[in-house]
Amino acid sequence: MTIPKEILRNNNNLTTLVFIILIVLQSCTSKPEVKPQEPAHPINTIETLRQNHESKILTNDEYYLYMTYAIFSQESLPGNYKGIVGPRDGTPVIMEVQRAYYSLQPETQDIIRQWIRPLPQKPTKRKP
């Protein structure tokens, strides 16, 4: 880049030119802050839990406990299950957990009982 001699001779123009060059250099060296990208398609928590339960990755107790967490306490979920829960997933999930409640371990029942009330009565066996 060559600077015309007339500009260099005039001291006032030189100051302006230096100032403009400094601004241009500063704008070239400053970089915008890059934010980490979120996944394009965040995981659907309920569907992922169902798939892992069907694949026997999760036990019944883990599955129903995580389903309860997905609706009421997402921060309690393991990291690989944190995602989105659809706006209409709550009631069917609660009903599913209620149906399976008495087949779960007592420790799991205690945890679920913190969020889901009232639970259905324990089914009684009929005498023939």
N, C-alpha and C. Protein backbone atom coordinates (compact mmCIF):
# COMPACT_ATOMS: atom_id res chain seq x y z
N MET A 1 0.86 -1.17 0.00
CA MET A 1 0.00 0.00 0.00
C MET A 1 0.90 1.24 0.00
N THR A 2 0.71 2.06 -0.97
CA THR A 2 1.50 3.29 -1.04
C THR A 2 0.63 4.47 -0.69
N ILE A 3 1.21 5.38 0.03
CA ILE A 3 0.50 6.58 0.46
C ILE A 3 0.93 7.73 -0.42
N PRO A 4 -0.01 8.44 -1.05
CA PRO A 4 0.37 9.56 -1.92
C PRO A 4 1.16 10.61 -1.14
N LYS A 5 2.14 11.21 -1.83
CA LYS A 5 3.04 12.17 -1.19
C LYS A 5 2.31 13.43 -0.72
N GLU A 6 1.25 13.82 -1.41
CA GLU A 6 0.53 15.02 -0.98
C GLU A 6 -0.09 14.83 0.41
N ILE A 7 -0.55 13.61 0.68
CA ILE A 7 -1.16 13.35 1.98
C ILE A 7 -0.09 13.38 3.06
N LEU A 8 1.06 12.82 2.75
CA LEU A 8 2.14 12.79 3.74
C LEU A 8 2.66 14.19 4.06
N ARG A 9 2.62 15.07 3.09
CA ARG A 9 3.13 16.42 3.30
C ARG A 9 2.22 17.21 4.23
N ASN A 10 0.98 16.98 4.15
CA ASN A 10 0.05 17.71 4.99
C ASN A 10 -0.09 16.96 6.32
N ASN A 11 0.40 17.56 7.41
CA ASN A 11 0.46 16.94 8.72
C ASN A 11 -0.93 16.59 9.25
N ASN A 12 -1.93 17.42 8.97
CA ASN A 12 -3.27 17.19 9.45
C ASN A 12 -3.86 15.93 8.82
N ASN A 13 -3.65 15.73 7.54
CA ASN A 13 -4.14 14.55 6.85
C ASN A 13 -3.40 13.29 7.33
N LEU A 14 -2.15 13.43 7.68
CA LEU A 14 -1.36 12.30 8.16
C LEU A 14 -1.94 11.76 9.47
N THR A 15 -2.29 12.65 10.36
CA THR A 15 -2.88 12.23 11.63
C THR A 15 -4.19 11.48 11.40
N THR A 16 -5.00 11.99 10.51
CA THR A 16 -6.27 11.34 10.19
C THR A 16 -6.04 9.98 9.56
N LEU A 17 -5.08 9.90 8.65
CA LEU A 17 -4.77 8.64 7.98
C LEU A 17 -4.27 7.59 8.97
N VAL A 18 -3.40 7.98 9.87
CA VAL A 18 -2.88 7.05 10.87
C VAL A 18 -4.03 6.57 11.77
N PHE A 19 -4.88 7.47 12.14
CA PHE A 19 -6.02 7.11 12.99
C PHE A 19 -6.93 6.10 12.28
N ILE A 20 -7.19 6.32 11.00
CA ILE A 20 -8.04 5.40 10.22
C ILE A 20 -7.38 4.05 10.09
N ILE A 21 -6.07 4.03 9.85
CA ILE A 21 -5.34 2.76 9.72
C ILE A 21 -5.39 1.99 11.03
N LEU A 22 -5.23 2.68 12.15
CA LEU A 22 -5.30 2.01 13.45
C LEU A 22 -6.69 1.40 13.70
N ILE A 23 -7.72 2.11 13.31
CA ILE A 23 -9.08 1.59 13.48
C ILE A 23 -9.28 0.35 12.62
N VAL A 24 -8.80 0.40 11.38
CA VAL A 24 -8.94 -0.76 10.49
C VAL A 24 -8.18 -1.96 11.04
N LEU A 25 -6.96 -1.74 11.50
CA LEU A 25 -6.17 -2.84 12.06
C LEU A 25 -6.83 -3.42 13.31
N GLN A 26 -7.37 -2.56 14.15
CA GLN A 26 -8.03 -3.03 15.36
C GLN A 26 -9.26 -3.87 15.03
N SER A 27 -10.02 -3.45 14.04
CA SER A 27 -11.22 -4.20 13.69
C SER A 27 -10.86 -5.54 13.04
N CYS A 28 -9.72 -5.62 12.38
CA CYS A 28 -9.30 -6.88 11.78
C CYS A 28 -8.79 -7.87 12.82
N THR A 29 -8.21 -7.37 13.88
CA THR A 29 -7.64 -8.27 14.88
C THR A 29 -8.65 -8.71 15.92
N SER A 30 -9.70 -7.95 16.16
CA SER A 30 -10.69 -8.37 17.16
C SER A 30 -11.62 -9.39 16.55
N LYS A 31 -11.86 -10.47 17.29
CA LYS A 31 -12.72 -11.55 16.81
C LYS A 31 -13.97 -11.60 17.66
N PRO A 32 -15.08 -11.89 17.04
CA PRO A 32 -16.31 -12.01 17.83
C PRO A 32 -16.25 -13.27 18.70
N GLU A 33 -16.93 -13.21 19.81
CA GLU A 33 -16.97 -14.37 20.70
C GLU A 33 -17.81 -15.46 20.06
N VAL A 34 -17.26 -16.65 20.01
CA VAL A 34 -17.95 -17.77 19.40
C VAL A 34 -18.63 -18.57 20.50
N LYS A 35 -19.93 -18.72 20.36
CA LYS A 35 -20.69 -19.49 21.35
C LYS A 35 -20.72 -20.94 20.91
N PRO A 36 -20.60 -21.87 21.85
CA PRO A 36 -20.69 -23.28 21.47
C PRO A 36 -22.08 -23.58 20.94
N GLN A 37 -22.12 -24.37 19.90
CA GLN A 37 -23.40 -24.67 19.29
C GLN A 37 -24.11 -25.77 20.06
N GLU A 38 -25.40 -25.60 20.17
CA GLU A 38 -26.22 -26.65 20.76
C GLU A 38 -26.49 -27.67 19.66
N PRO A 39 -26.75 -28.90 20.05
CA PRO A 39 -27.04 -29.89 19.03
C PRO A 39 -28.22 -29.45 18.17
N ALA A 40 -28.16 -29.75 16.89
CA ALA A 40 -29.22 -29.34 15.98
C ALA A 40 -30.56 -29.96 16.38
N HIS A 41 -30.52 -31.20 16.82
CA HIS A 41 -31.72 -31.90 17.25
C HIS A 41 -31.48 -32.46 18.65
N PRO A 42 -31.89 -31.72 19.69
CA PRO A 42 -31.67 -32.25 21.04
C PRO A 42 -32.45 -33.54 21.22
N ILE A 43 -31.95 -34.38 22.12
CA ILE A 43 -32.59 -35.67 22.29
C ILE A 43 -33.95 -35.52 22.94
N ASN A 44 -34.85 -36.40 22.57
CA ASN A 44 -36.16 -36.47 23.20
C ASN A 44 -36.00 -37.46 24.35
N THR A 45 -36.06 -36.97 25.57
CA THR A 45 -35.79 -37.77 26.76
C THR A 45 -36.69 -38.99 26.85
N ILE A 46 -37.98 -38.80 26.68
CA ILE A 46 -38.94 -39.90 26.84
C ILE A 46 -38.67 -41.00 25.81
N GLU A 47 -38.47 -40.61 24.55
CA GLU A 47 -38.22 -41.61 23.51
C GLU A 47 -36.91 -42.35 23.74
N THR A 48 -35.88 -41.63 24.17
CA THR A 48 -34.59 -42.27 24.44
C THR A 48 -34.72 -43.26 25.58
N LEU A 49 -35.44 -42.89 26.63
CA LEU A 49 -35.65 -43.81 27.74
C LEU A 49 -36.41 -45.05 27.30
N ARG A 50 -37.45 -44.87 26.49
CA ARG A 50 -38.23 -46.02 26.01
C ARG A 50 -37.37 -46.95 25.16
N GLN A 51 -36.57 -46.38 24.28
CA GLN A 51 -35.71 -47.20 23.42
C GLN A 51 -34.70 -47.98 24.25
N ASN A 52 -34.09 -47.33 25.24
CA ASN A 52 -33.10 -48.01 26.07
C ASN A 52 -33.74 -49.07 26.96
N HIS A 53 -34.98 -48.87 27.38
CA HIS A 53 -35.69 -49.87 28.17
C HIS A 53 -36.02 -51.08 27.30
N GLU A 54 -36.48 -50.84 26.09
CA GLU A 54 -36.77 -51.94 25.17
C GLU A 54 -35.52 -52.72 24.80
N SER A 55 -34.39 -52.03 24.73
CA SER A 55 -33.11 -52.67 24.39
C SER A 55 -32.44 -53.30 25.61
N LYS A 56 -33.12 -53.27 26.73
CA LYS A 56 -32.62 -53.84 27.99
C LYS A 56 -31.37 -53.14 28.52
N ILE A 57 -31.17 -51.89 28.11
CA ILE A 57 -30.08 -51.08 28.67
C ILE A 57 -30.46 -50.61 30.07
N LEU A 58 -31.76 -50.34 30.26
CA LEU A 58 -32.27 -49.89 31.55
C LEU A 58 -33.13 -50.99 32.17
N THR A 59 -33.00 -51.14 33.47
CA THR A 59 -33.89 -52.06 34.19
C THR A 59 -35.25 -51.38 34.34
N ASN A 60 -36.24 -52.16 34.78
CA ASN A 60 -37.57 -51.57 35.01
C ASN A 60 -37.51 -50.45 36.04
N ASP A 61 -36.76 -50.68 37.13
CA ASP A 61 -36.68 -49.66 38.17
C ASP A 61 -36.03 -48.38 37.64
N GLU A 62 -34.94 -48.51 36.90
CA GLU A 62 -34.27 -47.33 36.35
C GLU A 62 -35.19 -46.61 35.38
N TYR A 63 -35.84 -47.38 34.52
CA TYR A 63 -36.71 -46.80 33.52
C TYR A 63 -37.82 -45.95 34.15
N TYR A 64 -38.56 -46.53 35.09
CA TYR A 64 -39.68 -45.79 35.68
C TYR A 64 -39.20 -44.65 36.57
N LEU A 65 -38.07 -44.82 37.21
CA LEU A 65 -37.50 -43.73 38.01
C LEU A 65 -37.08 -42.58 37.10
N TYR A 66 -36.39 -42.89 36.00
CA TYR A 66 -35.95 -41.84 35.07
C TYR A 66 -37.13 -41.18 34.37
N MET A 67 -38.19 -41.95 34.11
CA MET A 67 -39.39 -41.35 33.52
C MET A 67 -39.99 -40.33 34.49
N THR A 68 -40.00 -40.68 35.77
CA THR A 68 -40.50 -39.74 36.79
C THR A 68 -39.61 -38.50 36.84
N TYR A 69 -38.30 -38.71 36.83
CA TYR A 69 -37.37 -37.58 36.82
C TYR A 69 -37.58 -36.70 35.58
N ALA A 70 -37.84 -37.32 34.44
CA ALA A 70 -38.01 -36.55 33.20
C ALA A 70 -39.16 -35.56 33.31
N ILE A 71 -40.19 -35.94 34.05
CA ILE A 71 -41.35 -35.06 34.18
C ILE A 71 -41.18 -34.06 35.33
N PHE A 72 -40.64 -34.52 36.46
CA PHE A 72 -40.65 -33.69 37.67
C PHE A 72 -39.30 -33.11 38.08
N SER A 73 -38.20 -33.74 37.69
CA SER A 73 -36.90 -33.31 38.19
C SER A 73 -35.80 -33.62 37.18
N GLN A 74 -35.79 -32.89 36.07
CA GLN A 74 -34.84 -33.19 35.00
C GLN A 74 -33.39 -33.07 35.43
N GLU A 75 -33.09 -32.24 36.43
CA GLU A 75 -31.71 -32.12 36.89
C GLU A 75 -31.24 -33.41 37.56
N SER A 76 -32.15 -34.29 37.96
CA SER A 76 -31.78 -35.56 38.58
C SER A 76 -31.44 -36.64 37.55
N LEU A 77 -31.75 -36.41 36.30
CA LEU A 77 -31.45 -37.39 35.25
C LEU A 77 -29.96 -37.48 34.99
N PRO A 78 -29.47 -38.68 34.61
CA PRO A 78 -28.09 -38.77 34.15
C PRO A 78 -27.91 -37.90 32.90
N GLY A 79 -26.70 -37.44 32.67
CA GLY A 79 -26.43 -36.50 31.58
C GLY A 79 -26.87 -36.96 30.20
N ASN A 80 -26.73 -38.26 29.91
CA ASN A 80 -27.08 -38.73 28.57
C ASN A 80 -28.59 -38.78 28.32
N TYR A 81 -29.39 -38.52 29.35
CA TYR A 81 -30.84 -38.48 29.16
C TYR A 81 -31.42 -37.08 29.28
N LYS A 82 -30.59 -36.10 29.47
CA LYS A 82 -31.09 -34.73 29.57
C LYS A 82 -31.36 -34.21 28.17
N GLY A 83 -32.57 -33.80 27.95
CA GLY A 83 -32.98 -33.31 26.64
C GLY A 83 -34.31 -32.61 26.77
N ILE A 84 -35.12 -32.77 25.75
CA ILE A 84 -36.43 -32.12 25.75
C ILE A 84 -37.52 -33.13 26.09
N VAL A 85 -38.54 -32.64 26.72
CA VAL A 85 -39.73 -33.44 27.02
C VAL A 85 -40.88 -32.68 26.39
N GLY A 86 -41.65 -33.39 25.58
CA GLY A 86 -42.76 -32.73 24.90
C GLY A 86 -43.78 -32.18 25.88
N PRO A 87 -44.53 -31.17 25.47
CA PRO A 87 -45.49 -30.53 26.37
C PRO A 87 -46.64 -31.45 26.77
N ARG A 88 -46.88 -32.50 26.00
CA ARG A 88 -48.01 -33.39 26.31
C ARG A 88 -47.56 -34.75 26.82
N ASP A 89 -46.31 -34.88 27.19
CA ASP A 89 -45.80 -36.17 27.64
C ASP A 89 -46.12 -36.47 29.10
N GLY A 90 -46.45 -35.50 29.90
CA GLY A 90 -46.59 -35.67 31.34
C GLY A 90 -47.64 -36.66 31.79
N THR A 91 -48.87 -36.50 31.39
CA THR A 91 -49.95 -37.35 31.88
C THR A 91 -49.77 -38.81 31.47
N PRO A 92 -49.47 -39.12 30.22
CA PRO A 92 -49.27 -40.54 29.87
C PRO A 92 -48.10 -41.18 30.62
N VAL A 93 -47.04 -40.42 30.85
CA VAL A 93 -45.89 -40.95 31.58
C VAL A 93 -46.28 -41.23 33.03
N ILE A 94 -46.98 -40.32 33.66
CA ILE A 94 -47.41 -40.52 35.05
C ILE A 94 -48.30 -41.75 35.16
N MET A 95 -49.22 -41.91 34.21
CA MET A 95 -50.10 -43.08 34.24
C MET A 95 -49.30 -44.37 34.05
N GLU A 96 -48.31 -44.35 33.18
CA GLU A 96 -47.45 -45.51 32.95
C GLU A 96 -46.68 -45.88 34.22
N VAL A 97 -46.14 -44.88 34.89
CA VAL A 97 -45.40 -45.12 36.13
C VAL A 97 -46.35 -45.64 37.21
N GLN A 98 -47.54 -45.08 37.30
CA GLN A 98 -48.52 -45.54 38.30
C GLN A 98 -48.88 -47.01 38.09
N ARG A 99 -49.05 -47.43 36.84
CA ARG A 99 -49.40 -48.82 36.56
C ARG A 99 -48.28 -49.78 36.97
N ALA A 100 -47.05 -49.34 36.84
CA ALA A 100 -45.91 -50.21 37.15
C ALA A 100 -45.43 -50.07 38.59
N TYR A 101 -46.00 -49.17 39.35
CA TYR A 101 -45.50 -48.80 40.67
C TYR A 101 -45.27 -50.00 41.58
N TYR A 102 -46.23 -50.90 41.71
CA TYR A 102 -46.13 -52.00 42.67
C TYR A 102 -45.21 -53.12 42.19
N SER A 103 -44.74 -53.05 40.97
CA SER A 103 -43.78 -54.05 40.50
C SER A 103 -42.33 -53.60 40.74
N LEU A 104 -42.15 -52.41 41.28
CA LEU A 104 -40.81 -51.84 41.48
C LEU A 104 -40.29 -52.14 42.88
N GLN A 105 -38.98 -51.97 43.03
CA GLN A 105 -38.34 -52.16 44.33
C GLN A 105 -38.85 -51.11 45.32
N PRO A 106 -38.89 -51.44 46.62
CA PRO A 106 -39.37 -50.47 47.62
C PRO A 106 -38.58 -49.15 47.62
N GLU A 107 -37.26 -49.21 47.36
CA GLU A 107 -36.46 -47.98 47.33
C GLU A 107 -36.90 -47.08 46.18
N THR A 108 -37.17 -47.69 45.05
CA THR A 108 -37.62 -46.92 43.89
C THR A 108 -39.01 -46.36 44.15
N GLN A 109 -39.87 -47.15 44.77
CA GLN A 109 -41.22 -46.68 45.11
C GLN A 109 -41.15 -45.45 46.03
N ASP A 110 -40.24 -45.49 46.99
CA ASP A 110 -40.10 -44.35 47.91
C ASP A 110 -39.73 -43.07 47.17
N ILE A 111 -38.83 -43.19 46.21
CA ILE A 111 -38.41 -42.01 45.45
C ILE A 111 -39.55 -41.50 44.59
N ILE A 112 -40.23 -42.41 43.90
CA ILE A 112 -41.33 -42.00 43.02
C ILE A 112 -42.47 -41.39 43.82
N ARG A 113 -42.72 -41.91 45.01
CA ARG A 113 -43.81 -41.41 45.85
C ARG A 113 -43.63 -39.93 46.20
N GLN A 114 -42.40 -39.43 46.12
CA GLN A 114 -42.16 -38.01 46.40
C GLN A 114 -42.85 -37.10 45.38
N TRP A 115 -43.01 -37.61 44.16
CA TRP A 115 -43.55 -36.76 43.09
C TRP A 115 -44.95 -37.15 42.64
N ILE A 116 -45.27 -38.42 42.69
CA ILE A 116 -46.57 -38.85 42.16
C ILE A 116 -47.47 -39.26 43.32
N ARG A 117 -48.55 -38.50 43.48
CA ARG A 117 -49.57 -38.80 44.48
C ARG A 117 -50.91 -38.43 43.90
N PRO A 118 -51.94 -39.04 44.18
CA PRO A 118 -52.05 -40.30 44.89
C PRO A 118 -51.71 -41.45 43.95
N LEU A 119 -51.18 -42.48 44.49
CA LEU A 119 -50.87 -43.68 43.72
C LEU A 119 -52.06 -44.63 43.83
N PRO A 120 -52.24 -45.46 42.81
CA PRO A 120 -53.38 -46.38 42.86
C PRO A 120 -53.21 -47.39 44.00
N GLN A 121 -54.31 -47.92 44.44
CA GLN A 121 -54.27 -48.95 45.48
C GLN A 121 -53.62 -50.22 44.93
N LYS A 122 -52.93 -50.90 45.80
CA LYS A 122 -52.30 -52.15 45.40
C LYS A 122 -53.38 -53.14 45.03
N PRO A 123 -53.23 -53.77 43.85
CA PRO A 123 -54.28 -54.71 43.43
C PRO A 123 -54.32 -55.92 44.38
N THR A 124 -55.52 -56.36 44.66
CA THR A 124 -55.68 -57.53 45.51
C THR A 124 -55.94 -58.75 44.64
N LYS A 125 -55.51 -59.88 45.14
CA LYS A 125 -55.71 -61.14 44.40
C LYS A 125 -57.13 -61.63 44.68
N ARG A 126 -57.77 -62.08 43.64
CA ARG A 126 -59.12 -62.60 43.79
C ARG A 126 -59.05 -64.09 44.14
N LYS A 127 -59.97 -64.53 44.98
CA LYS A 127 -60.06 -65.94 45.30
C LYS A 127 -61.03 -66.59 44.32
N PRO A 128 -60.64 -67.74 43.77
CA PRO A 128 -61.54 -68.38 42.78
C PRO A 128 -62.77 -68.97 43.38
